[in-house]
Amino acid sequence: MPKYNFYTKIESNVQLSNLFYDLNVYKTDANNKKHILLSVTQQPIDPGYYTQPHDTNETDDDLSVIYIIEINLYRKHGGKLISVLSSPAKKNVYTW
């Protein structure tokens, strides 16, 4: 069964040590229920402004399944993490 490796580049002028992210990868069924393939929270950004590489759970989904990647960014301010997006950024991910 395949596993996928996800990472992405973040464009920001915020100091690297002050940026964190949540990352979710999932598919939805006919009832709009989420089926999570990967979920990590409040991870630090790597040098070069990349998220860390994350391996998904194994899946037996057909290669035609479209996954959704969702990321939320946080900025450290006064010792607290504050969301910088009003809602998580989403993008469809196609496998082959």
N, C-alpha and C. Protein backbone atom coordinates (compact mmCIF):
# COMPACT_ATOMS: atom_id res chain seq x y z
N MET A 1 0.84 -1.17 0.00
CA MET A 1 0.00 0.00 0.00
C MET A 1 0.89 1.24 0.00
N PRO A 2 0.53 2.24 -0.79
CA PRO A 2 1.40 3.42 -0.89
C PRO A 2 1.30 4.34 0.32
N LYS A 3 2.39 5.05 0.52
CA LYS A 3 2.45 6.17 1.45
C LYS A 3 2.93 7.35 0.63
N TYR A 4 2.54 8.54 1.02
CA TYR A 4 2.96 9.74 0.32
C TYR A 4 3.76 10.63 1.25
N ASN A 5 4.65 11.43 0.68
CA ASN A 5 5.47 12.35 1.44
C ASN A 5 5.06 13.77 1.06
N PHE A 6 4.66 14.56 2.05
CA PHE A 6 4.19 15.93 1.80
C PHE A 6 5.11 16.95 2.45
N TYR A 7 5.38 18.01 1.71
CA TYR A 7 6.03 19.21 2.24
C TYR A 7 5.72 20.34 1.27
N THR A 8 5.88 21.56 1.73
CA THR A 8 5.60 22.72 0.88
C THR A 8 6.48 23.88 1.31
N LYS A 9 6.60 24.84 0.44
CA LYS A 9 7.39 26.05 0.73
C LYS A 9 6.44 27.15 1.18
N ILE A 10 6.88 27.91 2.18
CA ILE A 10 6.12 29.02 2.73
C ILE A 10 6.79 30.32 2.28
N GLU A 11 6.00 31.24 1.78
CA GLU A 11 6.51 32.57 1.42
C GLU A 11 6.17 33.52 2.57
N SER A 12 7.20 34.07 3.21
CA SER A 12 6.97 34.96 4.35
C SER A 12 8.19 35.82 4.61
N ASN A 13 7.95 36.97 5.21
CA ASN A 13 9.06 37.81 5.66
C ASN A 13 9.20 37.76 7.18
N VAL A 14 8.46 36.86 7.82
CA VAL A 14 8.55 36.67 9.27
C VAL A 14 9.78 35.82 9.57
N GLN A 15 10.47 36.16 10.63
CA GLN A 15 11.65 35.40 11.05
C GLN A 15 11.30 33.92 11.20
N LEU A 16 12.14 33.07 10.67
CA LEU A 16 11.91 31.62 10.63
C LEU A 16 11.57 31.03 12.00
N SER A 17 12.24 31.46 13.04
CA SER A 17 12.03 30.90 14.38
C SER A 17 10.65 31.26 14.95
N ASN A 18 9.94 32.17 14.31
CA ASN A 18 8.62 32.59 14.79
C ASN A 18 7.47 32.01 13.97
N LEU A 19 7.75 31.14 13.02
CA LEU A 19 6.71 30.56 12.16
C LEU A 19 6.47 29.09 12.49
N PHE A 20 5.19 28.73 12.57
CA PHE A 20 4.77 27.36 12.83
C PHE A 20 3.58 27.05 11.94
N TYR A 21 3.26 25.77 11.80
CA TYR A 21 2.15 25.40 10.91
C TYR A 21 1.43 24.15 11.39
N ASP A 22 0.17 24.04 10.97
CA ASP A 22 -0.61 22.80 11.05
C ASP A 22 -0.75 22.31 9.61
N LEU A 23 -0.70 21.01 9.41
CA LEU A 23 -0.85 20.44 8.07
C LEU A 23 -1.78 19.24 8.15
N ASN A 24 -2.82 19.25 7.31
CA ASN A 24 -3.75 18.12 7.22
C ASN A 24 -3.87 17.70 5.76
N VAL A 25 -3.91 16.41 5.54
CA VAL A 25 -4.18 15.86 4.22
C VAL A 25 -5.32 14.87 4.40
N TYR A 26 -6.37 15.05 3.59
CA TYR A 26 -7.55 14.20 3.76
C TYR A 26 -8.32 14.09 2.45
N LYS A 27 -9.26 13.17 2.44
CA LYS A 27 -10.23 13.08 1.35
C LYS A 27 -11.60 13.16 2.00
N THR A 28 -12.61 13.46 1.20
CA THR A 28 -13.97 13.48 1.73
C THR A 28 -14.80 12.44 0.99
N ASP A 29 -15.79 11.89 1.69
CA ASP A 29 -16.67 10.91 1.06
C ASP A 29 -17.94 11.61 0.57
N ALA A 30 -18.88 10.82 0.08
CA ALA A 30 -20.12 11.37 -0.48
C ALA A 30 -20.93 12.16 0.55
N ASN A 31 -20.74 11.88 1.83
CA ASN A 31 -21.45 12.60 2.90
C ASN A 31 -20.63 13.77 3.45
N ASN A 32 -19.54 14.11 2.76
CA ASN A 32 -18.64 15.20 3.15
C ASN A 32 -17.89 14.92 4.46
N LYS A 33 -17.78 13.65 4.83
CA LYS A 33 -17.01 13.27 6.01
C LYS A 33 -15.53 13.20 5.64
N LYS A 34 -14.67 13.79 6.49
CA LYS A 34 -13.24 13.78 6.25
C LYS A 34 -12.63 12.45 6.64
N HIS A 35 -11.72 11.95 5.80
CA HIS A 35 -10.92 10.76 6.09
C HIS A 35 -9.46 11.21 6.06
N ILE A 36 -8.87 11.34 7.25
CA ILE A 36 -7.54 11.92 7.43
C ILE A 36 -6.45 10.94 7.00
N LEU A 37 -5.53 11.43 6.19
CA LEU A 37 -4.37 10.67 5.77
C LEU A 37 -3.12 11.13 6.54
N LEU A 38 -3.12 12.40 6.94
CA LEU A 38 -2.00 12.99 7.66
C LEU A 38 -2.51 14.18 8.46
N SER A 39 -2.05 14.31 9.69
CA SER A 39 -2.41 15.47 10.50
C SER A 39 -1.28 15.76 11.48
N VAL A 40 -0.69 16.96 11.37
CA VAL A 40 0.34 17.40 12.32
C VAL A 40 -0.02 18.82 12.77
N THR A 41 0.37 19.16 13.97
CA THR A 41 0.02 20.48 14.50
C THR A 41 1.24 21.20 15.05
N GLN A 42 1.23 22.51 14.90
CA GLN A 42 2.20 23.44 15.44
C GLN A 42 3.65 22.98 15.28
N GLN A 43 3.99 22.67 14.03
CA GLN A 43 5.34 22.25 13.68
C GLN A 43 6.17 23.47 13.29
N PRO A 44 7.46 23.49 13.63
CA PRO A 44 8.31 24.61 13.21
C PRO A 44 8.65 24.51 11.72
N ILE A 45 8.89 25.66 11.12
CA ILE A 45 9.29 25.72 9.71
C ILE A 45 10.78 25.41 9.60
N ASP A 46 11.16 24.63 8.60
CA ASP A 46 12.57 24.29 8.37
C ASP A 46 13.30 25.43 7.66
N PRO A 47 14.64 25.41 7.69
CA PRO A 47 15.41 26.41 6.94
C PRO A 47 14.99 26.42 5.46
N GLY A 48 15.04 27.59 4.87
CA GLY A 48 14.60 27.73 3.49
C GLY A 48 13.10 27.94 3.39
N TYR A 49 12.43 28.04 4.55
CA TYR A 49 10.98 28.26 4.64
C TYR A 49 10.18 27.10 4.05
N TYR A 50 10.64 25.88 4.28
CA TYR A 50 9.90 24.68 3.90
C TYR A 50 9.29 24.06 5.15
N THR A 51 8.13 23.44 4.97
CA THR A 51 7.60 22.62 6.06
C THR A 51 8.48 21.38 6.15
N GLN A 52 8.41 20.70 7.24
CA GLN A 52 9.12 19.44 7.37
C GLN A 52 8.48 18.42 6.43
N PRO A 53 9.22 17.45 5.92
CA PRO A 53 8.59 16.40 5.13
C PRO A 53 7.83 15.45 6.07
N HIS A 54 6.60 15.12 5.71
CA HIS A 54 5.76 14.24 6.53
C HIS A 54 5.26 13.09 5.69
N ASP A 55 5.39 11.88 6.20
CA ASP A 55 4.85 10.69 5.53
C ASP A 55 3.41 10.48 5.98
N THR A 56 2.56 10.14 5.03
CA THR A 56 1.17 9.85 5.34
C THR A 56 1.04 8.44 5.89
N ASN A 57 -0.15 8.13 6.36
CA ASN A 57 -0.48 6.74 6.69
C ASN A 57 -0.55 5.97 5.37
N GLU A 58 -0.40 4.67 5.45
CA GLU A 58 -0.57 3.85 4.25
C GLU A 58 -2.03 3.88 3.82
N THR A 59 -2.25 3.80 2.51
CA THR A 59 -3.60 3.85 1.99
C THR A 59 -3.77 2.85 0.86
N ASP A 60 -4.96 2.32 0.74
CA ASP A 60 -5.26 1.44 -0.39
C ASP A 60 -6.20 2.13 -1.37
N ASP A 61 -6.26 3.48 -1.27
CA ASP A 61 -7.09 4.26 -2.18
C ASP A 61 -6.61 4.11 -3.62
N ASP A 62 -7.55 4.18 -4.52
CA ASP A 62 -7.25 4.17 -5.95
C ASP A 62 -6.44 5.43 -6.28
N LEU A 63 -5.60 5.36 -7.31
CA LEU A 63 -4.78 6.50 -7.68
C LEU A 63 -5.59 7.68 -8.20
N SER A 64 -6.86 7.46 -8.50
CA SER A 64 -7.70 8.55 -9.00
C SER A 64 -8.29 9.40 -7.86
N VAL A 65 -8.06 9.02 -6.62
CA VAL A 65 -8.59 9.76 -5.48
C VAL A 65 -7.90 11.12 -5.38
N ILE A 66 -8.68 12.15 -5.17
CA ILE A 66 -8.16 13.51 -4.99
C ILE A 66 -8.12 13.80 -3.49
N TYR A 67 -6.95 14.17 -3.00
CA TYR A 67 -6.79 14.54 -1.61
C TYR A 67 -6.79 16.06 -1.49
N ILE A 68 -7.08 16.54 -0.31
CA ILE A 68 -7.06 17.97 -0.02
C ILE A 68 -5.96 18.22 1.00
N ILE A 69 -5.10 19.15 0.69
CA ILE A 69 -4.07 19.55 1.64
C ILE A 69 -4.51 20.88 2.23
N GLU A 70 -4.41 20.97 3.55
CA GLU A 70 -4.88 22.14 4.27
C GLU A 70 -3.75 22.58 5.21
N ILE A 71 -3.40 23.85 5.15
CA ILE A 71 -2.32 24.34 6.00
C ILE A 71 -2.76 25.62 6.70
N ASN A 72 -2.39 25.71 7.96
CA ASN A 72 -2.64 26.92 8.73
C ASN A 72 -1.29 27.39 9.27
N LEU A 73 -1.04 28.69 9.20
CA LEU A 73 0.23 29.25 9.67
C LEU A 73 0.02 30.00 10.98
N TYR A 74 1.04 29.95 11.81
CA TYR A 74 1.04 30.65 13.09
C TYR A 74 2.31 31.47 13.23
N ARG A 75 2.18 32.58 13.90
CA ARG A 75 3.32 33.43 14.21
C ARG A 75 3.45 33.51 15.72
N LYS A 76 4.67 33.30 16.20
CA LYS A 76 4.91 33.42 17.64
C LYS A 76 4.99 34.90 17.99
N HIS A 77 4.17 35.30 18.96
CA HIS A 77 4.15 36.70 19.39
C HIS A 77 3.91 36.73 20.90
N GLY A 78 4.87 37.23 21.61
CA GLY A 78 4.75 37.30 23.07
C GLY A 78 4.61 35.94 23.72
N GLY A 79 5.27 34.94 23.16
CA GLY A 79 5.22 33.60 23.72
C GLY A 79 4.00 32.80 23.33
N LYS A 80 3.08 33.40 22.57
CA LYS A 80 1.87 32.70 22.13
C LYS A 80 1.90 32.52 20.62
N LEU A 81 1.24 31.46 20.13
CA LEU A 81 1.11 31.26 18.70
C LEU A 81 -0.22 31.84 18.24
N ILE A 82 -0.16 32.73 17.28
CA ILE A 82 -1.35 33.40 16.77
C ILE A 82 -1.52 33.04 15.30
N SER A 83 -2.70 32.59 14.94
CA SER A 83 -2.98 32.23 13.55
C SER A 83 -2.87 33.47 12.67
N VAL A 84 -2.20 33.33 11.54
CA VAL A 84 -2.04 34.47 10.63
C VAL A 84 -3.03 34.41 9.47
N LEU A 85 -3.77 33.31 9.34
CA LEU A 85 -4.77 33.16 8.29
C LEU A 85 -6.15 33.14 8.92
N SER A 86 -7.12 33.74 8.24
CA SER A 86 -8.49 33.72 8.77
C SER A 86 -9.10 32.33 8.69
N SER A 87 -8.63 31.53 7.73
CA SER A 87 -9.02 30.12 7.62
C SER A 87 -7.87 29.39 6.93
N PRO A 88 -7.74 28.09 7.14
CA PRO A 88 -6.63 27.36 6.55
C PRO A 88 -6.64 27.45 5.02
N ALA A 89 -5.46 27.52 4.43
CA ALA A 89 -5.32 27.49 2.97
C ALA A 89 -5.52 26.05 2.50
N LYS A 90 -6.26 25.86 1.41
CA LYS A 90 -6.56 24.52 0.90
C LYS A 90 -6.16 24.40 -0.56
N LYS A 91 -5.76 23.19 -0.94
CA LYS A 91 -5.44 22.92 -2.33
C LYS A 91 -5.69 21.44 -2.61
N ASN A 92 -6.22 21.14 -3.79
CA ASN A 92 -6.40 19.74 -4.19
C ASN A 92 -5.07 19.15 -4.59
N VAL A 93 -4.86 17.88 -4.24
CA VAL A 93 -3.63 17.17 -4.57
C VAL A 93 -4.01 15.94 -5.38
N TYR A 94 -3.40 15.81 -6.55
CA TYR A 94 -3.68 14.68 -7.42
C TYR A 94 -2.52 13.69 -7.35
N THR A 95 -2.83 12.41 -7.27
CA THR A 95 -1.81 11.37 -7.24
C THR A 95 -1.76 10.67 -8.58
N TRP A 96 -0.67 10.02 -8.86
CA TRP A 96 -0.55 9.22 -10.08
C TRP A 96 0.51 8.19 -9.92
